[in-house]
Each structure stands twice: as C-alpha cells, then as structure tokens.
Amino acid sequence: MAALVQGVRSSLAISSCVLRSTLTKSAILGLQQKCPISNLTYSKRIVLHKLVPQTVKRHYSMDPPLTLELIRDRVLLVLKLYDKVDPAKLKLESHFMNDLGLDSLDHVEVIMAMEDEFGFEIPDDDAERLLKPQDIVNYVCDKTDVYE
C-alpha cells in the first residue's frame, strides 16, 4: 500500500512540474507575441522576470572521439615532451629502459604523465607491463574501447 501511495505521489509531482513548465513557456510565448521585450518599460520587465522562473541550463561538451591514430599521436607527444627522452630515438617500438635509457623512476613518471593525459588511473600491475609506447597505445585503446 505504501508503495502505491509513493507511486501516486511521485506521478503527481512529475505531472505538476510538467504542467508548470508548459504553462510558463506558453505564457512567455504569448507575452512575447503581444508585446516585444523592447517595448516594455523597466518596471514591466521586472514584473515579467518575477513571473517567469529562471531556469539554469547546463551545456556539456563531449571530448572528440578517440581513434587509434589520435591515441598514438598523444602518447608520442607526451613522451617527446618528457625531458629525459631523446625525440630522435623515440619510436612506437622503442623500449623505455633498453632503447631510451630510462630508469624505473622515469618509467613511473611516464606512466603518471599518461594517466594525466588520458584521465584515468593505470594500476601498478598494469604499469609494470607497459614498457614500450606501443604497449601504452594498446592499453589506452583497450581501456577506452577503441578498435581499428
């Protein structure tokens, strides 16, 4: 019985909100058609603003969709900007320790930079296996569901 009462209450609340917003919108449109805002005096504008509830709208933007090429470019850019990596030696198949001469602390800093770049945390167990830029690209593609 309580669930039934709760359901009726919520449906009434939803319908009253819909009705309130619909009536407000139709009232605004009617006022705009009868007398444009530019013709209203200052006092009439204040009354109009008090009658019309101010609603806040949030507009969110989405990140551009990730592609394999974009991930590859971002990984290489982060590595090129790292001061201990020689950009001339950097390739997707370069090993961080053998080819680029990075030590374990540098490896941790590279992984942290990748976390910052892509906005998610890489667990330590996974980070230990990321020894080449291509490994990082594959890992990020797997985490973000990019397949090409």
Protein backbone atom coordinates (compact mmCIF):
# COMPACT_ATOMS: atom_id res chain seq x y z
CA MET A 1 0.00 0.00 0.00
CA ALA A 2 2.85 2.37 0.87
CA ALA A 3 4.48 1.70 -2.49
CA LEU A 4 1.23 2.55 -4.25
CA VAL A 5 0.90 5.83 -2.36
CA GLN A 6 4.53 6.66 -3.11
CA GLY A 7 3.97 5.96 -6.81
CA VAL A 8 0.90 8.19 -6.94
CA ARG A 9 2.77 10.97 -5.13
CA SER A 10 5.71 10.86 -7.49
CA SER A 11 3.49 10.83 -10.58
CA LEU A 12 1.55 13.82 -9.27
CA ALA A 13 4.77 15.68 -8.55
CA ILE A 14 6.11 14.95 -12.03
CA SER A 15 2.87 15.96 -13.74
CA SER A 16 2.67 19.21 -11.76
CA CYS A 17 6.25 20.08 -12.76
CA VAL A 18 5.50 19.38 -16.42
CA LEU A 19 2.30 21.41 -16.23
CA ARG A 20 4.08 24.30 -14.51
CA SER A 21 6.87 24.44 -17.09
CA THR A 22 4.42 24.10 -20.00
CA LEU A 23 2.19 26.88 -18.71
CA THR A 24 5.20 29.11 -18.08
CA LYS A 25 6.55 28.56 -21.58
CA SER A 26 3.19 29.21 -23.21
CA ALA A 27 2.73 32.37 -21.11
CA ILE A 28 6.14 33.64 -22.18
CA LEU A 29 5.42 32.99 -25.83
CA GLY A 30 2.08 34.78 -25.54
CA LEU A 31 3.70 37.79 -23.90
CA GLN A 32 6.47 37.90 -26.49
CA GLN A 33 3.97 37.89 -29.35
CA LYS A 34 1.73 40.57 -27.84
CA CYS A 35 4.44 42.99 -26.78
CA PRO A 36 8.12 42.52 -27.56
CA ILE A 37 10.51 42.99 -24.65
CA SER A 38 12.00 46.07 -26.32
CA ASN A 39 8.63 47.86 -25.92
CA LEU A 40 8.35 47.10 -22.20
CA THR A 41 9.25 49.67 -19.61
CA TYR A 42 11.72 48.87 -16.87
CA SER A 43 9.04 48.18 -14.25
CA LYS A 44 7.16 45.82 -16.58
CA ARG A 45 10.38 43.90 -17.27
CA ILE A 46 10.94 43.41 -13.53
CA VAL A 47 7.39 42.08 -13.14
CA LEU A 48 7.91 39.78 -16.13
CA HIS A 49 11.14 38.40 -14.63
CA LYS A 50 9.39 37.73 -11.33
CA LEU A 51 6.60 35.84 -13.11
CA VAL A 52 8.95 33.72 -15.21
CA PRO A 53 11.09 31.36 -13.12
CA GLN A 54 14.73 31.49 -14.10
CA THR A 55 15.93 28.04 -15.06
CA VAL A 56 19.54 27.04 -15.17
CA LYS A 57 20.69 25.06 -18.16
CA ARG A 58 23.96 23.22 -18.24
CA HIS A 59 25.62 22.59 -21.53
CA TYR A 60 28.24 19.87 -21.54
CA SER A 61 30.65 19.25 -24.32
CA MET A 62 32.00 15.86 -25.15
CA ASP A 63 35.58 15.03 -25.88
CA PRO A 64 36.26 14.27 -29.50
CA PRO A 65 36.06 10.55 -30.18
CA LEU A 66 39.37 8.79 -29.72
CA THR A 67 40.92 7.00 -32.65
CA LEU A 68 43.97 4.78 -32.79
CA GLU A 69 45.90 7.47 -34.64
CA LEU A 70 44.94 10.16 -32.13
CA ILE A 71 45.98 7.98 -29.18
CA ARG A 72 49.27 7.18 -30.91
CA ASP A 73 49.97 10.88 -31.52
CA ARG A 74 49.12 11.86 -27.93
CA VAL A 75 51.33 9.12 -26.45
CA LEU A 76 54.26 10.14 -28.65
CA LEU A 77 53.71 13.83 -27.87
CA VAL A 78 53.78 13.20 -24.12
CA LEU A 79 56.97 11.19 -24.50
CA LYS A 80 58.61 13.80 -26.74
CA LEU A 81 57.86 16.48 -24.15
CA TYR A 82 59.47 14.39 -21.39
CA ASP A 83 62.91 15.91 -20.85
CA LYS A 84 64.82 12.62 -20.48
CA VAL A 85 63.60 11.15 -23.78
CA ASP A 86 65.56 11.83 -26.96
CA PRO A 87 62.93 12.52 -29.66
CA ALA A 88 65.30 11.20 -32.34
CA LYS A 89 65.36 7.74 -30.73
CA LEU A 90 61.65 7.65 -29.98
CA LYS A 91 59.54 5.16 -31.96
CA LEU A 92 56.49 3.13 -31.08
CA GLU A 93 58.64 0.03 -30.62
CA SER A 94 61.35 1.74 -28.50
CA HIS A 95 61.89 0.06 -25.14
CA PHE A 96 61.90 2.63 -22.33
CA MET A 97 64.90 1.17 -20.49
CA ASN A 98 66.91 -0.54 -23.23
CA ASP A 99 66.49 1.92 -26.12
CA LEU A 100 65.66 5.23 -24.42
CA GLY A 101 67.81 4.80 -21.28
CA LEU A 102 65.06 5.50 -18.74
CA ASP A 103 65.24 4.07 -15.23
CA SER A 104 62.37 2.78 -13.08
CA LEU A 105 61.63 6.23 -11.60
CA ASP A 106 61.42 7.71 -15.09
CA HIS A 107 59.09 4.87 -16.07
CA VAL A 108 56.79 5.77 -13.17
CA GLU A 109 56.81 9.44 -14.23
CA VAL A 110 55.95 8.46 -17.82
CA ILE A 111 53.02 6.35 -16.60
CA MET A 112 51.81 9.24 -14.41
CA ALA A 113 52.02 11.58 -17.40
CA MET A 114 49.89 9.13 -19.41
CA GLU A 115 47.36 9.00 -16.59
CA ASP A 116 47.12 12.79 -16.66
CA GLU A 117 46.88 12.87 -20.45
CA PHE A 118 44.07 10.33 -20.76
CA GLY A 119 42.27 10.99 -17.48
CA PHE A 120 42.23 7.55 -15.87
CA GLU A 121 44.40 5.71 -13.40
CA ILE A 122 46.69 2.91 -14.51
CA PRO A 123 47.11 0.29 -11.76
CA ASP A 124 50.67 -0.63 -10.76
CA ASP A 125 50.31 -4.20 -12.02
CA ASP A 126 49.37 -2.94 -15.47
CA ALA A 127 52.00 -0.18 -15.40
CA GLU A 128 54.80 -2.72 -14.93
CA ARG A 129 53.88 -4.32 -18.26
CA LEU A 130 53.88 -1.04 -20.22
CA LEU A 131 57.49 -0.95 -21.37
CA LYS A 132 57.05 0.49 -24.88
CA PRO A 133 54.98 3.33 -26.32
CA GLN A 134 53.06 0.74 -28.37
CA ASP A 135 52.16 -1.07 -25.15
CA ILE A 136 50.70 2.17 -23.79
CA VAL A 137 48.76 2.78 -27.02
CA ASN A 138 47.31 -0.74 -26.87
CA TYR A 139 46.43 -0.33 -23.18
CA VAL A 140 44.68 3.03 -23.70
CA CYS A 141 42.80 1.65 -26.73
CA ASP A 142 41.65 -1.30 -24.66
CA LYS A 143 40.50 0.90 -21.75
CA THR A 144 38.67 3.40 -23.96
CA ASP A 145 37.17 0.76 -26.31
CA VAL A 146 38.93 1.97 -29.44
CA TYR A 147 39.32 -0.74 -32.06
CA GLU A 148 40.63 -0.26 -35.58
